[in-house]
Amino acid sequence: MQGVGFRYFARREAVRLGLAGWVRNLPDGRVEALAVGAGAALEQFEAALNRGPSMAEVTYVRLLESSDELDSPTSFEIR
């Protein structure tokens, strides 16, 4: 969902939880994020994304797990 500050909300939550990764808007209005960190922090991040910022209406959050060694990010950024 774009226009409600979702990316900034996601970044703030990720930084608060000590996660690395990124968040970005997709052309169709969805938001995509990649988060790397401890299991409990990732669970809290998922819960925050399901809630979203106050003006958001979150329809669903789809979680994909990966064990691939991506270019492991060291901070969390908005793309």
C-alpha atoms as a PDB file:
ATOM      1  CA  MET A   1       0.000   0.000   0.000  1.00  0.00           C
ATOM      2  CA  GLN A   2       1.519   3.275  -1.061  1.00  0.00           C
ATOM      3  CA  GLY A   3       0.893   6.781   0.244  1.00  0.00           C
ATOM      4  CA  VAL A   4       0.551   5.929   3.937  1.00  0.00           C
ATOM      5  CA  GLY A   5       4.228   5.892   4.954  1.00  0.00           C
ATOM      6  CA  PHE A   6       4.463   2.107   4.993  1.00  0.00           C
ATOM      7  CA  ARG A   7       8.114   1.997   3.891  1.00  0.00           C
ATOM      8  CA  TYR A   8       9.124   4.471   6.615  1.00  0.00           C
ATOM      9  CA  PHE A   9       7.114   2.501   9.172  1.00  0.00           C
ATOM     10  CA  ALA A  10       8.800  -0.744   8.077  1.00  0.00           C
ATOM     11  CA  ARG A  11      12.267   0.806   8.257  1.00  0.00           C
ATOM     12  CA  ARG A  12      11.629   2.274  11.703  1.00  0.00           C
ATOM     13  CA  GLU A  13      10.423  -1.105  13.017  1.00  0.00           C
ATOM     14  CA  ALA A  14      13.337  -2.968  11.421  1.00  0.00           C
ATOM     15  CA  VAL A  15      15.908  -0.591  12.911  1.00  0.00           C
ATOM     16  CA  ARG A  16      14.195  -0.814  16.317  1.00  0.00           C
ATOM     17  CA  LEU A  17      14.425  -4.614  16.134  1.00  0.00           C
ATOM     18  CA  GLY A  18      18.045  -4.651  14.949  1.00  0.00           C
ATOM     19  CA  LEU A  19      17.248  -6.081  11.509  1.00  0.00           C
ATOM     20  CA  ALA A  20      19.072  -5.471   8.255  1.00  0.00           C
ATOM     21  CA  GLY A  21      17.561  -5.429   4.777  1.00  0.00           C
ATOM     22  CA  TRP A  22      15.380  -3.193   2.655  1.00  0.00           C
ATOM     23  CA  VAL A  23      11.818  -2.202   1.795  1.00  0.00           C
ATOM     24  CA  ARG A  24      10.453  -0.860  -1.497  1.00  0.00           C
ATOM     25  CA  ASN A  25       7.215  -0.046  -3.315  1.00  0.00           C
ATOM     26  CA  LEU A  26       6.236  -2.194  -6.273  1.00  0.00           C
ATOM     27  CA  PRO A  27       4.533  -0.721  -9.367  1.00  0.00           C
ATOM     28  CA  ASP A  28       1.239  -2.481  -8.574  1.00  0.00           C
ATOM     29  CA  GLY A  29       0.941  -0.806  -5.153  1.00  0.00           C
ATOM     30  CA  ARG A  30       2.304  -3.636  -3.029  1.00  0.00           C
ATOM     31  CA  VAL A  31       5.289  -3.248  -0.735  1.00  0.00           C
ATOM     32  CA  GLU A  32       8.168  -5.722  -0.732  1.00  0.00           C
ATOM     33  CA  ALA A  33      10.717  -6.150   2.055  1.00  0.00           C
ATOM     34  CA  LEU A  34      13.734  -8.285   2.815  1.00  0.00           C
ATOM     35  CA  ALA A  35      14.745  -8.648   6.452  1.00  0.00           C
ATOM     36  CA  VAL A  36      17.710 -10.443   7.986  1.00  0.00           C
ATOM     37  CA  GLY A  37      18.150 -11.021  11.694  1.00  0.00           C
ATOM     38  CA  ALA A  38      17.332 -13.115  14.741  1.00  0.00           C
ATOM     39  CA  GLY A  39      14.227 -15.301  14.640  1.00  0.00           C
ATOM     40  CA  ALA A  40      12.355 -13.501  17.444  1.00  0.00           C
ATOM     41  CA  ALA A  41      13.048 -10.100  15.867  1.00  0.00           C
ATOM     42  CA  LEU A  42      11.831 -11.355  12.486  1.00  0.00           C
ATOM     43  CA  GLU A  43       8.609 -12.587  14.101  1.00  0.00           C
ATOM     44  CA  GLN A  44       8.080  -9.177  15.701  1.00  0.00           C
ATOM     45  CA  PHE A  45       8.770  -7.496  12.345  1.00  0.00           C
ATOM     46  CA  GLU A  46       6.191  -9.709  10.652  1.00  0.00           C
ATOM     47  CA  ALA A  47       3.630  -8.788  13.315  1.00  0.00           C
ATOM     48  CA  ALA A  48       4.401  -5.088  12.824  1.00  0.00           C
ATOM     49  CA  LEU A  49       3.981  -5.421   9.049  1.00  0.00           C
ATOM     50  CA  ASN A  50       0.625  -7.127   9.563  1.00  0.00           C
ATOM     51  CA  ARG A  51      -0.449  -4.177  11.702  1.00  0.00           C
ATOM     52  CA  GLY A  52       1.117  -1.446   9.545  1.00  0.00           C
ATOM     53  CA  PRO A  53       1.124   2.289  10.230  1.00  0.00           C
ATOM     54  CA  SER A  54      -2.034   3.966  11.490  1.00  0.00           C
ATOM     55  CA  MET A  55      -3.313   5.025   8.026  1.00  0.00           C
ATOM     56  CA  ALA A  56      -2.630   1.678   6.350  1.00  0.00           C
ATOM     57  CA  GLU A  57      -5.056  -1.094   5.588  1.00  0.00           C
ATOM     58  CA  VAL A  58      -2.946  -4.240   5.385  1.00  0.00           C
ATOM     59  CA  THR A  59      -4.660  -6.924   3.328  1.00  0.00           C
ATOM     60  CA  TYR A  60      -2.086  -9.638   3.869  1.00  0.00           C
ATOM     61  CA  VAL A  61       1.580 -10.284   4.520  1.00  0.00           C
ATOM     62  CA  ARG A  62       3.190 -13.122   2.638  1.00  0.00           C
ATOM     63  CA  LEU A  63       6.299 -14.539   4.269  1.00  0.00           C
ATOM     64  CA  LEU A  64       8.942 -16.337   2.262  1.00  0.00           C
ATOM     65  CA  GLU A  65      11.899 -17.856   4.020  1.00  0.00           C
ATOM     66  CA  SER A  66      15.246 -18.248   2.369  1.00  0.00           C
ATOM     67  CA  SER A  67      18.458 -19.832   3.506  1.00  0.00           C
ATOM     68  CA  ASP A  68      20.315 -18.429   0.507  1.00  0.00           C
ATOM     69  CA  GLU A  69      23.324 -16.332   1.293  1.00  0.00           C
ATOM     70  CA  LEU A  70      22.266 -13.154  -0.459  1.00  0.00           C
ATOM     71  CA  ASP A  71      24.389 -10.059  -0.367  1.00  0.00           C
ATOM     72  CA  SER A  72      23.865  -9.898   3.374  1.00  0.00           C
ATOM     73  CA  PRO A  73      22.829  -6.331   4.169  1.00  0.00           C
ATOM     74  CA  THR A  74      24.327  -4.597   7.168  1.00  0.00           C
ATOM     75  CA  SER A  75      21.652  -1.897   7.613  1.00  0.00           C
ATOM     76  CA  PHE A  76      17.995  -1.397   6.694  1.00  0.00           C
ATOM     77  CA  GLU A  77      17.211   0.944   3.821  1.00  0.00           C
ATOM     78  CA  ILE A  78      14.304   2.262   1.824  1.00  0.00           C
ATOM     79  CA  ARG A  79      14.726   1.583  -1.870  1.00  0.00           C
END
